[in-house]
């Protein structure tokens, strides 16, 4: 019995030591929350560990919110962490919004954070507007001269539009589109150079921040440079293209003419061949006529004399004149 009692005492001591060691891990956090008036119990800390939620992060966020006068329940903090949210950043955003007199509650801040946006940066941007510099935008005025413009957009984040609103890329793209439209509608590039403010006024009046997470405060033209004479380049390219088309058509006509010439030469050779064939049949016909008695010998000699006389006259007619 003494042995069993001893073993039982040892086992109980081991269990107590294990329990105390397990509770001791959360004692410092519980004590920290207690003295910070954050009210986080030991059982809540144990439950966080069982739910695989880091107690240190939740206690730190809870203390931060309570000290700022914006206490957030630990269940909301745990739920936001389990939703893959950034708990500390949401609490810091709530504190920053409260100090800046911006209306923002935990539900809105958590929704913005879960939407993938930096809610703290959005609050800071609402207080301190951000300047976005657009890349160089090229546009052509009606007189054909190209202009390069760089603008600076001053924007302020709109907390209510952060969830579902378009980002900076959309704002930059819309401003670039407005610059192209403004320059393209100018009668001369000199008008734009003389009054660059016409671009910013026209673009700003277009309501480009609709549907975005920002409010455009101003659009300032940082630089305007003159580019190439696009109109002249296009006319030159058009003339060169017309020239190549004309050359191609001329070459086509030349090829067709050459083909027609070759075809005519082939026809001439064909006719000559037929003539030679016909002339070759004359001796045969004369022989047949002599044999049948339709042509006499004297007639044949007379025909030869006429043929020789005709050949002589032809040679005399074609002979070159001799100089005396």
C-alpha atoms as a PDB file:
ATOM      1  CA  UNK A   1       0.000   0.000   0.000  1.00  0.00           C
ATOM      2  CA  UNK A   2       2.821   2.364   0.817  1.00  0.00           C
ATOM      3  CA  UNK A   3       4.308   1.662  -2.595  1.00  0.00           C
ATOM      4  CA  UNK A   4       1.050   2.356  -4.386  1.00  0.00           C
ATOM      5  CA  UNK A   5       0.591   5.558  -2.439  1.00  0.00           C
ATOM      6  CA  UNK A   6       4.059   6.682  -3.308  1.00  0.00           C
ATOM      7  CA  UNK A   7       3.509   5.959  -7.010  1.00  0.00           C
ATOM      8  CA  UNK A   8       0.208   7.813  -6.928  1.00  0.00           C
ATOM      9  CA  UNK A   9       1.804  10.827  -5.275  1.00  0.00           C
ATOM     10  CA  UNK A  10       4.579  10.835  -7.877  1.00  0.00           C
ATOM     11  CA  UNK A  11       2.103  10.588 -10.747  1.00  0.00           C
ATOM     12  CA  UNK A  12      -0.046  13.357  -9.293  1.00  0.00           C
ATOM     13  CA  UNK A  13       3.042  15.524  -8.818  1.00  0.00           C
ATOM     14  CA  UNK A  14       4.058  14.933 -12.418  1.00  0.00           C
ATOM     15  CA  UNK A  15       0.553  15.849 -13.632  1.00  0.00           C
ATOM     16  CA  UNK A  16       0.533  18.977 -11.500  1.00  0.00           C
ATOM     17  CA  UNK A  17       3.973  19.969 -12.801  1.00  0.00           C
ATOM     18  CA  UNK A  18       2.849  19.437 -16.412  1.00  0.00           C
ATOM     19  CA  UNK A  19      -0.330  21.446 -15.842  1.00  0.00           C
ATOM     20  CA  UNK A  20       1.591  24.233 -14.133  1.00  0.00           C
ATOM     21  CA  UNK A  21       4.169  24.252 -16.926  1.00  0.00           C
ATOM     22  CA  UNK A  22       1.416  24.404 -19.546  1.00  0.00           C
ATOM     23  CA  UNK A  23      -0.384  27.182 -17.707  1.00  0.00           C
ATOM     24  CA  UNK A  24       2.918  28.932 -17.058  1.00  0.00           C
ATOM     25  CA  UNK A  25       3.340  29.505 -20.800  1.00  0.00           C
ATOM     26  CA  UNK A  26       0.275  31.728 -20.741  1.00  0.00           C
ATOM     27  CA  UNK A  27       0.806  33.254 -17.307  1.00  0.00           C
ATOM     28  CA  UNK A  28       2.987  36.101 -18.534  1.00  0.00           C
ATOM     29  CA  UNK A  29       0.482  36.963 -21.301  1.00  0.00           C
ATOM     30  CA  UNK A  30      -2.394  36.782 -18.839  1.00  0.00           C
ATOM     31  CA  UNK A  31      -0.501  38.983 -16.385  1.00  0.00           C
ATOM     32  CA  UNK A  32       0.367  41.452 -19.158  1.00  0.00           C
ATOM     33  CA  UNK A  33      -3.280  41.662 -20.238  1.00  0.00           C
ATOM     34  CA  UNK A  34      -4.422  41.962 -16.625  1.00  0.00           C
ATOM     35  CA  UNK A  35      -2.232  44.940 -15.837  1.00  0.00           C
ATOM     36  CA  UNK A  36      -3.147  46.510 -19.198  1.00  0.00           C
ATOM     37  CA  UNK A  37      -6.846  46.129 -18.388  1.00  0.00           C
ATOM     38  CA  UNK A  38      -7.377  44.064 -21.538  1.00  0.00           C
ATOM     39  CA  UNK A  39      -9.215  41.267 -19.698  1.00  0.00           C
ATOM     40  CA  UNK A  40      -7.972  38.066 -21.385  1.00  0.00           C
ATOM     41  CA  UNK A  41      -8.449  34.952 -19.258  1.00  0.00           C
ATOM     42  CA  UNK A  42      -6.199  31.921 -18.979  1.00  0.00           C
ATOM     43  CA  UNK A  43      -8.897  29.747 -20.535  1.00  0.00           C
ATOM     44  CA  UNK A  44      -9.155  32.067 -23.529  1.00  0.00           C
ATOM     45  CA  UNK A  45      -5.384  31.823 -24.026  1.00  0.00           C
ATOM     46  CA  UNK A  46      -5.528  28.035 -23.830  1.00  0.00           C
ATOM     47  CA  UNK A  47      -8.402  28.022 -26.303  1.00  0.00           C
ATOM     48  CA  UNK A  48      -6.359  30.162 -28.696  1.00  0.00           C
ATOM     49  CA  UNK A  49      -3.507  27.640 -28.586  1.00  0.00           C
ATOM     50  CA  UNK A  50      -5.922  24.792 -29.250  1.00  0.00           C
ATOM     51  CA  UNK A  51      -7.382  26.728 -32.201  1.00  0.00           C
ATOM     52  CA  UNK A  52      -3.828  27.321 -33.502  1.00  0.00           C
ATOM     53  CA  UNK A  53      -4.111  31.064 -32.998  1.00  0.00           C
ATOM     54  CA  UNK A  54      -0.942  32.768 -31.656  1.00  0.00           C
ATOM     55  CA  UNK A  55      -1.959  34.190 -28.252  1.00  0.00           C
ATOM     56  CA  UNK A  56       0.872  36.726 -28.342  1.00  0.00           C
ATOM     57  CA  UNK A  57      -0.586  38.422 -31.458  1.00  0.00           C
ATOM     58  CA  UNK A  58      -4.158  38.495 -30.115  1.00  0.00           C
ATOM     59  CA  UNK A  59      -3.099  39.790 -26.659  1.00  0.00           C
ATOM     60  CA  UNK A  60      -0.903  42.462 -28.209  1.00  0.00           C
ATOM     61  CA  UNK A  61      -3.752  43.605 -30.502  1.00  0.00           C
ATOM     62  CA  UNK A  62      -6.222  43.524 -27.608  1.00  0.00           C
ATOM     63  CA  UNK A  63      -3.943  45.619 -25.376  1.00  0.00           C
ATOM     64  CA  UNK A  64      -3.281  48.077 -28.209  1.00  0.00           C
ATOM     65  CA  UNK A  65      -6.988  48.577 -28.873  1.00  0.00           C
ATOM     66  CA  UNK A  66      -7.862  48.966 -25.192  1.00  0.00           C
ATOM     67  CA  UNK A  67      -5.115  51.497 -24.566  1.00  0.00           C
ATOM     68  CA  UNK A  68      -6.380  53.519 -27.564  1.00  0.00           C
ATOM     69  CA  UNK A  69      -9.893  53.498 -26.180  1.00  0.00           C
ATOM     70  CA  UNK A  70     -11.171  51.242 -28.962  1.00  0.00           C
ATOM     71  CA  UNK A  71     -11.530  47.837 -27.271  1.00  0.00           C
ATOM     72  CA  UNK A  72     -12.089  44.960 -29.692  1.00  0.00           C
ATOM     73  CA  UNK A  73     -13.389  41.615 -28.486  1.00  0.00           C
ATOM     74  CA  UNK A  74     -10.892  38.751 -28.628  1.00  0.00           C
ATOM     75  CA  UNK A  75     -13.375  36.598 -30.569  1.00  0.00           C
ATOM     76  CA  UNK A  76     -13.394  39.177 -33.396  1.00  0.00           C
ATOM     77  CA  UNK A  77      -9.605  39.293 -33.375  1.00  0.00           C
ATOM     78  CA  UNK A  78      -9.373  35.496 -33.496  1.00  0.00           C
ATOM     79  CA  UNK A  79     -11.930  35.289 -36.296  1.00  0.00           C
ATOM     80  CA  UNK A  80     -10.032  37.839 -38.342  1.00  0.00           C
ATOM     81  CA  UNK A  81      -6.749  35.972 -37.828  1.00  0.00           C
ATOM     82  CA  UNK A  82      -8.322  32.652 -38.800  1.00  0.00           C
ATOM     83  CA  UNK A  83      -9.598  34.380 -41.969  1.00  0.00           C
ATOM     84  CA  UNK A  84      -5.948  35.052 -42.918  1.00  0.00           C
ATOM     85  CA  UNK A  85      -6.191  38.710 -41.916  1.00  0.00           C
ATOM     86  CA  UNK A  86      -3.506  40.958 -40.444  1.00  0.00           C
ATOM     87  CA  UNK A  87      -4.828  41.656 -36.937  1.00  0.00           C
ATOM     88  CA  UNK A  88      -2.211  44.175 -35.798  1.00  0.00           C
ATOM     89  CA  UNK A  89      -2.450  46.191 -39.006  1.00  0.00           C
ATOM     90  CA  UNK A  90      -6.242  46.451 -38.665  1.00  0.00           C
ATOM     91  CA  UNK A  91      -5.929  47.684 -35.053  1.00  0.00           C
ATOM     92  CA  UNK A  92      -3.255  50.208 -36.068  1.00  0.00           C
ATOM     93  CA  UNK A  93      -5.541  51.425 -38.878  1.00  0.00           C
ATOM     94  CA  UNK A  94      -8.432  51.858 -36.420  1.00  0.00           C
ATOM     95  CA  UNK A  95      -6.242  53.892 -34.085  1.00  0.00           C
ATOM     96  CA  UNK A  96      -4.891  56.052 -36.934  1.00  0.00           C
ATOM     97  CA  UNK A  97      -8.421  56.663 -38.271  1.00  0.00           C
ATOM     98  CA  UNK A  98      -9.674  57.579 -34.801  1.00  0.00           C
ATOM     99  CA  UNK A  99      -6.846  60.082 -34.288  1.00  0.00           C
ATOM    100  CA  UNK A 100      -7.601  61.632 -37.697  1.00  0.00           C
ATOM    101  CA  UNK A 101     -11.357  61.783 -37.058  1.00  0.00           C
ATOM    102  CA  UNK A 102     -12.050  59.357 -39.904  1.00  0.00           C
ATOM    103  CA  UNK A 103     -15.115  57.162 -39.486  1.00  0.00           C
ATOM    104  CA  UNK A 104     -13.940  53.557 -39.528  1.00  0.00           C
ATOM    105  CA  UNK A 105     -15.045  50.567 -37.446  1.00  0.00           C
ATOM    106  CA  UNK A 106     -13.503  47.131 -37.036  1.00  0.00           C
ATOM    107  CA  UNK A 107     -15.912  45.472 -39.477  1.00  0.00           C
ATOM    108  CA  UNK A 108     -15.023  47.879 -42.321  1.00  0.00           C
ATOM    109  CA  UNK A 109     -11.310  47.711 -41.541  1.00  0.00           C
ATOM    110  CA  UNK A 110     -11.376  43.896 -41.480  1.00  0.00           C
ATOM    111  CA  UNK A 111     -13.273  43.780 -44.783  1.00  0.00           C
ATOM    112  CA  UNK A 112     -10.713  46.100 -46.403  1.00  0.00           C
ATOM    113  CA  UNK A 113      -7.846  43.992 -45.054  1.00  0.00           C
ATOM    114  CA  UNK A 114      -9.393  40.731 -46.250  1.00  0.00           C
ATOM    115  CA  UNK A 115      -9.946  42.313 -49.674  1.00  0.00           C
ATOM    116  CA  UNK A 116      -6.164  42.413 -50.049  1.00  0.00           C
ATOM    117  CA  UNK A 117      -5.658  46.141 -49.488  1.00  0.00           C
ATOM    118  CA  UNK A 118      -3.378  47.725 -46.924  1.00  0.00           C
ATOM    119  CA  UNK A 119      -5.950  49.375 -44.666  1.00  0.00           C
ATOM    120  CA  UNK A 120      -3.299  51.221 -42.623  1.00  0.00           C
ATOM    121  CA  UNK A 121      -1.755  52.694 -45.753  1.00  0.00           C
ATOM    122  CA  UNK A 122      -5.257  53.688 -46.940  1.00  0.00           C
ATOM    123  CA  UNK A 123      -5.918  55.570 -43.707  1.00  0.00           C
ATOM    124  CA  UNK A 124      -2.547  57.274 -43.920  1.00  0.00           C
ATOM    125  CA  UNK A 125      -3.264  58.220 -47.531  1.00  0.00           C
ATOM    126  CA  UNK A 126      -6.587  59.703 -46.479  1.00  0.00           C
ATOM    127  CA  UNK A 127      -4.687  61.982 -44.102  1.00  0.00           C
ATOM    128  CA  UNK A 128      -1.679  62.629 -46.321  1.00  0.00           C
ATOM    129  CA  UNK A 129      -2.632  62.542 -50.045  1.00  0.00           C
ATOM    130  CA  UNK A 130      -0.339  60.558 -52.302  1.00  0.00           C
ATOM    131  CA  UNK A 131       1.301  61.884 -55.480  1.00  0.00           C
ATOM    132  CA  UNK A 132       1.401  59.442 -58.395  1.00  0.00           C
ATOM    133  CA  UNK A 133       3.642  60.286 -61.332  1.00  0.00           C
ATOM    134  CA  UNK A 134       2.413  58.893 -64.617  1.00  0.00           C
ATOM    135  CA  UNK A 135       4.789  57.520 -67.246  1.00  0.00           C
ATOM    136  CA  UNK A 136       5.464  59.560 -70.363  1.00  0.00           C
ATOM    137  CA  UNK A 137       2.320  59.735 -72.494  1.00  0.00           C
ATOM    138  CA  UNK A 138       2.611  60.458 -76.235  1.00  0.00           C
ATOM    139  CA  UNK A 139      -0.195  62.030 -78.245  1.00  0.00           C
ATOM    140  CA  UNK A 140      -0.553  63.809 -81.602  1.00  0.00           C
ATOM    141  CA  UNK A 141      -2.291  67.151 -82.105  1.00  0.00           C
ATOM    142  CA  UNK A 142      -4.450  67.862 -85.138  1.00  0.00           C
ATOM    143  CA  UNK A 143      -1.512  69.548 -86.919  1.00  0.00           C
ATOM    144  CA  UNK A 144       0.398  66.243 -86.862  1.00  0.00           C
ATOM    145  CA  UNK A 145       3.011  67.188 -84.234  1.00  0.00           C
ATOM    146  CA  UNK A 146       3.660  64.658 -81.486  1.00  0.00           C
ATOM    147  CA  UNK A 147       3.834  65.754 -77.828  1.00  0.00           C
ATOM    148  CA  UNK A 148       5.166  63.870 -74.798  1.00  0.00           C
ATOM    149  CA  UNK A 149       3.546  64.729 -71.452  1.00  0.00           C
ATOM    150  CA  UNK A 150       4.293  63.680 -67.871  1.00  0.00           C
ATOM    151  CA  UNK A 151       1.731  64.398 -65.139  1.00  0.00           C
ATOM    152  CA  UNK A 152       1.565  64.143 -61.369  1.00  0.00           C
ATOM    153  CA  UNK A 153      -1.747  63.009 -59.861  1.00  0.00           C
ATOM    154  CA  UNK A 154      -2.554  63.909 -56.270  1.00  0.00           C
ATOM    155  CA  UNK A 155      -5.002  61.355 -54.869  1.00  0.00           C
ATOM    156  CA  UNK A 156      -6.609  60.697 -51.511  1.00  0.00           C
ATOM    157  CA  UNK A 157      -7.865  57.269 -50.489  1.00  0.00           C
ATOM    158  CA  UNK A 158     -11.607  56.875 -50.091  1.00  0.00           C
ATOM    159  CA  UNK A 159     -12.229  54.452 -47.223  1.00  0.00           C
ATOM    160  CA  UNK A 160     -15.791  53.721 -48.313  1.00  0.00           C
ATOM    161  CA  UNK A 161     -14.665  52.741 -51.845  1.00  0.00           C
ATOM    162  CA  UNK A 162     -11.651  50.598 -50.952  1.00  0.00           C
ATOM    163  CA  UNK A 163     -13.665  47.370 -51.139  1.00  0.00           C
ATOM    164  CA  UNK A 164     -14.543  46.850 -54.800  1.00  0.00           C
ATOM    165  CA  UNK A 165     -12.897  50.066 -56.028  1.00  0.00           C
ATOM    166  CA  UNK A 166     -10.256  50.149 -58.762  1.00  0.00           C
ATOM    167  CA  UNK A 167      -6.602  50.733 -57.855  1.00  0.00           C
ATOM    168  CA  UNK A 168      -3.826  53.103 -58.847  1.00  0.00           C
ATOM    169  CA  UNK A 169      -3.269  51.396 -62.209  1.00  0.00           C
ATOM    170  CA  UNK A 170      -6.809  52.286 -63.292  1.00  0.00           C
ATOM    171  CA  UNK A 171      -6.357  55.926 -62.257  1.00  0.00           C
ATOM    172  CA  UNK A 172      -3.066  56.190 -64.159  1.00  0.00           C
ATOM    173  CA  UNK A 173      -4.600  54.540 -67.247  1.00  0.00           C
ATOM    174  CA  UNK A 174      -7.612  56.878 -67.217  1.00  0.00           C
ATOM    175  CA  UNK A 175      -5.438  59.960 -66.821  1.00  0.00           C
ATOM    176  CA  UNK A 176      -3.247  58.801 -69.708  1.00  0.00           C
ATOM    177  CA  UNK A 177      -6.343  58.301 -71.847  1.00  0.00           C
ATOM    178  CA  UNK A 178      -7.546  61.797 -70.929  1.00  0.00           C
ATOM    179  CA  UNK A 179      -4.176  63.325 -71.861  1.00  0.00           C
ATOM    180  CA  UNK A 180      -4.235  61.633 -75.267  1.00  0.00           C
ATOM    181  CA  UNK A 181      -7.787  62.854 -75.864  1.00  0.00           C
ATOM    182  CA  UNK A 182      -6.973  66.428 -74.776  1.00  0.00           C
ATOM    183  CA  UNK A 183      -3.866  66.731 -76.938  1.00  0.00           C
ATOM    184  CA  UNK A 184      -5.550  64.979 -79.855  1.00  0.00           C
ATOM    185  CA  UNK A 185      -8.409  67.496 -79.861  1.00  0.00           C
ATOM    186  CA  UNK A 186      -6.064  70.527 -79.895  1.00  0.00           C
ATOM    187  CA  UNK A 187      -5.890  72.312 -83.253  1.00  0.00           C
ATOM    188  CA  UNK A 188      -2.159  72.947 -82.905  1.00  0.00           C
ATOM    189  CA  UNK A 189       0.584  71.684 -80.644  1.00  0.00           C
ATOM    190  CA  UNK A 190       1.435  75.319 -79.920  1.00  0.00           C
ATOM    191  CA  UNK A 191      -1.850  75.692 -78.036  1.00  0.00           C
ATOM    192  CA  UNK A 192      -0.812  72.915 -75.671  1.00  0.00           C
ATOM    193  CA  UNK A 193       2.700  74.326 -75.201  1.00  0.00           C
ATOM    194  CA  UNK A 194       1.320  77.791 -74.512  1.00  0.00           C
ATOM    195  CA  UNK A 195      -1.309  76.557 -72.060  1.00  0.00           C
ATOM    196  CA  UNK A 196      -0.510  73.100 -70.579  1.00  0.00           C
ATOM    197  CA  UNK A 197      -3.144  73.728 -67.930  1.00  0.00           C
ATOM    198  CA  UNK A 198      -5.823  73.027 -70.533  1.00  0.00           C
ATOM    199  CA  UNK A 199      -4.908  69.340 -70.346  1.00  0.00           C
ATOM    200  CA  UNK A 200      -5.242  69.091 -66.560  1.00  0.00           C
ATOM    201  CA  UNK A 201      -8.514  71.030 -66.526  1.00  0.00           C
ATOM    202  CA  UNK A 202     -10.103  68.870 -69.199  1.00  0.00           C
ATOM    203  CA  UNK A 203      -8.888  65.625 -67.647  1.00  0.00           C
ATOM    204  CA  UNK A 204      -9.926  66.635 -64.126  1.00  0.00           C
ATOM    205  CA  UNK A 205     -13.409  67.607 -65.333  1.00  0.00           C
ATOM    206  CA  UNK A 206     -13.938  64.114 -66.795  1.00  0.00           C
ATOM    207  CA  UNK A 207     -14.593  62.509 -63.396  1.00  0.00           C
ATOM    208  CA  UNK A 208     -11.861  59.916 -63.769  1.00  0.00           C
ATOM    209  CA  UNK A 209     -12.042  58.811 -60.137  1.00  0.00           C
ATOM    210  CA  UNK A 210     -15.518  57.285 -60.561  1.00  0.00           C
ATOM    211  CA  UNK A 211     -15.508  53.643 -59.494  1.00  0.00           C
ATOM    212  CA  UNK A 212     -11.997  53.854 -58.018  1.00  0.00           C
ATOM    213  CA  UNK A 213     -10.775  53.678 -54.436  1.00  0.00           C
ATOM    214  CA  UNK A 214      -9.349  57.195 -54.682  1.00  0.00           C
ATOM    215  CA  UNK A 215     -10.435  60.792 -54.914  1.00  0.00           C
ATOM    216  CA  UNK A 216      -8.408  62.822 -57.401  1.00  0.00           C
ATOM    217  CA  UNK A 217      -7.502  66.160 -55.855  1.00  0.00           C
ATOM    218  CA  UNK A 218      -5.416  67.630 -58.670  1.00  0.00           C
ATOM    219  CA  UNK A 219      -3.668  66.754 -61.922  1.00  0.00           C
ATOM    220  CA  UNK A 220      -0.534  68.775 -62.638  1.00  0.00           C
ATOM    221  CA  UNK A 221       1.467  68.765 -65.869  1.00  0.00           C
ATOM    222  CA  UNK A 222       5.100  68.133 -64.929  1.00  0.00           C
ATOM    223  CA  UNK A 223       6.663  68.263 -68.399  1.00  0.00           C
ATOM    224  CA  UNK A 224       5.650  68.620 -72.055  1.00  0.00           C
ATOM    225  CA  UNK A 225       8.121  67.895 -74.869  1.00  0.00           C
ATOM    226  CA  UNK A 226       7.759  68.122 -78.636  1.00  0.00           C
ATOM    227  CA  UNK A 227       8.264  64.837 -80.448  1.00  0.00           C
ATOM    228  CA  UNK A 228       8.274  63.929 -84.115  1.00  0.00           C
ATOM    229  CA  UNK A 229       6.203  65.315 -86.958  1.00  0.00           C
ATOM    230  CA  UNK A 230       3.951  62.301 -87.184  1.00  0.00           C
ATOM    231  CA  UNK A 231       1.824  63.882 -89.917  1.00  0.00           C
ATOM    232  CA  UNK A 232       4.826  64.335 -92.209  1.00  0.00           C
ATOM    233  CA  UNK A 233       6.069  60.826 -91.441  1.00  0.00           C
ATOM    234  CA  UNK A 234       2.681  59.366 -92.286  1.00  0.00           C
ATOM    235  CA  UNK A 235       2.497  61.345 -95.548  1.00  0.00           C
ATOM    236  CA  UNK A 236       6.009  60.196 -96.473  1.00  0.00           C
ATOM    237  CA  UNK A 237       5.140  56.588 -95.699  1.00  0.00           C
ATOM    238  CA  UNK A 238       1.933  56.913 -97.718  1.00  0.00           C
ATOM    239  CA  UNK A 239       3.814  58.384-100.686  1.00  0.00           C
ATOM    240  CA  UNK A 240       6.383  55.615-100.471  1.00  0.00           C
ATOM    241  CA  UNK A 241       3.623  53.024-100.343  1.00  0.00           C
ATOM    242  CA  UNK A 242       1.885  54.601-103.359  1.00  0.00           C
ATOM    243  CA  UNK A 243       5.209  54.582-105.201  1.00  0.00           C
ATOM    244  CA  UNK A 244       5.731  50.901-104.502  1.00  0.00           C
ATOM    245  CA  UNK A 245       2.166  50.145-105.602  1.00  0.00           C
ATOM    246  CA  UNK A 246       2.695  52.087-108.859  1.00  0.00           C
ATOM    247  CA  UNK A 247       5.990  50.282-109.464  1.00  0.00           C
ATOM    248  CA  UNK A 248       4.332  46.947-108.856  1.00  0.00           C
ATOM    249  CA  UNK A 249       1.535  47.776-111.280  1.00  0.00           C
ATOM    250  CA  UNK A 250       4.058  49.001-113.906  1.00  0.00           C
ATOM    251  CA  UNK A 251       6.057  45.818-113.491  1.00  0.00           C
ATOM    252  CA  UNK A 252       2.856  43.833-113.908  1.00  0.00           C
ATOM    253  CA  UNK A 253       2.015  45.696-117.125  1.00  0.00           C
ATOM    254  CA  UNK A 254       5.589  45.210-118.409  1.00  0.00           C
ATOM    255  CA  UNK A 255       5.395  41.499-117.697  1.00  0.00           C
ATOM    256  CA  UNK A 256       2.046  41.271-119.471  1.00  0.00           C
ATOM    257  CA  UNK A 257       3.443  43.171-122.476  1.00  0.00           C
ATOM    258  CA  UNK A 258       6.491  40.917-122.579  1.00  0.00           C
ATOM    259  CA  UNK A 259       4.254  37.859-122.417  1.00  0.00           C
ATOM    260  CA  UNK A 260       2.094  39.243-125.257  1.00  0.00           C
ATOM    261  CA  UNK A 261       5.226  39.922-127.325  1.00  0.00           C
ATOM    262  CA  UNK A 262       6.473  36.414-126.783  1.00  0.00           C
ATOM    263  CA  UNK A 263       3.053  35.091-127.715  1.00  0.00           C
ATOM    264  CA  UNK A 264       3.086  37.097-130.969  1.00  0.00           C
ATOM    265  CA  UNK A 265       6.576  35.847-131.786  1.00  0.00           C
ATOM    266  CA  UNK A 266       5.376  32.308-131.260  1.00  0.00           C
ATOM    267  CA  UNK A 267       2.466  32.937-133.601  1.00  0.00           C
ATOM    268  CA  UNK A 268       4.845  34.398-136.245  1.00  0.00           C
ATOM    269  CA  UNK A 269       7.073  31.351-136.007  1.00  0.00           C
ATOM    270  CA  UNK A 270       4.008  29.152-136.298  1.00  0.00           C
ATOM    271  CA  UNK A 271       2.891  30.987-139.487  1.00  0.00           C
ATOM    272  CA  UNK A 272       6.418  30.725-140.956  1.00  0.00           C
ATOM    273  CA  UNK A 273       6.409  27.029-140.285  1.00  0.00           C
ATOM    274  CA  UNK A 274       3.078  26.716-142.067  1.00  0.00           C
ATOM    275  CA  UNK A 275       4.493  28.779-145.015  1.00  0.00           C
ATOM    276  CA  UNK A 276       7.543  26.533-145.271  1.00  0.00           C
ATOM    277  CA  UNK A 277       5.279  23.527-145.151  1.00  0.00           C
ATOM    278  CA  UNK A 278       3.126  24.984-147.946  1.00  0.00           C
ATOM    279  CA  UNK A 279       6.188  25.893-150.072  1.00  0.00           C
ATOM    280  CA  UNK A 280       7.514  22.362-149.637  1.00  0.00           C
ATOM    281  CA  UNK A 281       4.358  21.025-151.278  1.00  0.00           C
ATOM    282  CA  UNK A 282       4.879  23.163-154.498  1.00  0.00           C
ATOM    283  CA  UNK A 283       7.566  20.898-156.106  1.00  0.00           C
ATOM    284  CA  UNK A 284       5.455  17.872-155.326  1.00  0.00           C
ATOM    285  CA  UNK A 285       2.428  19.487-156.936  1.00  0.00           C
ATOM    286  CA  UNK A 286       4.447  20.492-160.048  1.00  0.00           C
ATOM    287  CA  UNK A 287       5.826  16.971-160.340  1.00  0.00           C
ATOM    288  CA  UNK A 288       2.336  15.581-160.156  1.00  0.00           C
ATOM    289  CA  UNK A 289       1.165  18.112-162.790  1.00  0.00           C
ATOM    290  CA  UNK A 290       4.037  17.136-165.157  1.00  0.00           C
ATOM    291  CA  UNK A 291       3.351  13.482-164.664  1.00  0.00           C
ATOM    292  CA  UNK A 292      -0.354  13.919-165.330  1.00  0.00           C
ATOM    293  CA  UNK A 293       0.268  16.104-168.386  1.00  0.00           C
ATOM    294  CA  UNK A 294      -1.361  19.131-166.873  1.00  0.00           C
ATOM    295  CA  UNK A 295       1.911  21.111-167.091  1.00  0.00           C
ATOM    296  CA  UNK A 296       4.258  21.074-170.068  1.00  0.00           C
ATOM    297  CA  UNK A 297       8.022  21.260-170.010  1.00  0.00           C
ATOM    298  CA  UNK A 298       8.047  24.660-171.684  1.00  0.00           C
ATOM    299  CA  UNK A 299       5.547  25.919-169.138  1.00  0.00           C
ATOM    300  CA  UNK A 300       7.865  24.707-166.429  1.00  0.00           C
ATOM    301  CA  UNK A 301      10.864  26.504-167.988  1.00  0.00           C
ATOM    302  CA  UNK A 302       8.850  29.686-168.423  1.00  0.00           C
ATOM    303  CA  UNK A 303       7.863  29.509-164.768  1.00  0.00           C
ATOM    304  CA  UNK A 304      11.506  29.084-163.768  1.00  0.00           C
ATOM    305  CA  UNK A 305      12.505  32.046-165.967  1.00  0.00           C
ATOM    306  CA  UNK A 306       9.855  34.217-164.310  1.00  0.00           C
ATOM    307  CA  UNK A 307      11.013  33.074-160.897  1.00  0.00           C
ATOM    308  CA  UNK A 308      14.673  33.860-161.735  1.00  0.00           C
ATOM    309  CA  UNK A 309      13.719  37.241-163.165  1.00  0.00           C
ATOM    310  CA  UNK A 310      11.727  38.061-160.008  1.00  0.00           C
ATOM    311  CA  UNK A 311      14.650  37.033-157.806  1.00  0.00           C
ATOM    312  CA  UNK A 312      17.065  39.206-159.806  1.00  0.00           C
ATOM    313  CA  UNK A 313      14.826  42.262-159.558  1.00  0.00           C
ATOM    314  CA  UNK A 314      14.443  41.702-155.846  1.00  0.00           C
ATOM    315  CA  UNK A 315      18.193  41.585-155.391  1.00  0.00           C
ATOM    316  CA  UNK A 316      18.683  44.693-157.487  1.00  0.00           C
ATOM    317  CA  UNK A 317      16.009  46.515-155.459  1.00  0.00           C
ATOM    318  CA  UNK A 318      17.622  45.622-152.131  1.00  0.00           C
ATOM    319  CA  UNK A 319      21.263  46.169-153.144  1.00  0.00           C
ATOM    320  CA  UNK A 320      22.999  49.146-151.355  1.00  0.00           C
ATOM    321  CA  UNK A 321      23.681  52.239-153.481  1.00  0.00           C
ATOM    322  CA  UNK A 322      27.306  52.707-154.518  1.00  0.00           C
ATOM    323  CA  UNK A 323      28.882  56.127-154.147  1.00  0.00           C
ATOM    324  CA  UNK A 324      30.259  57.666-157.260  1.00  0.00           C
END
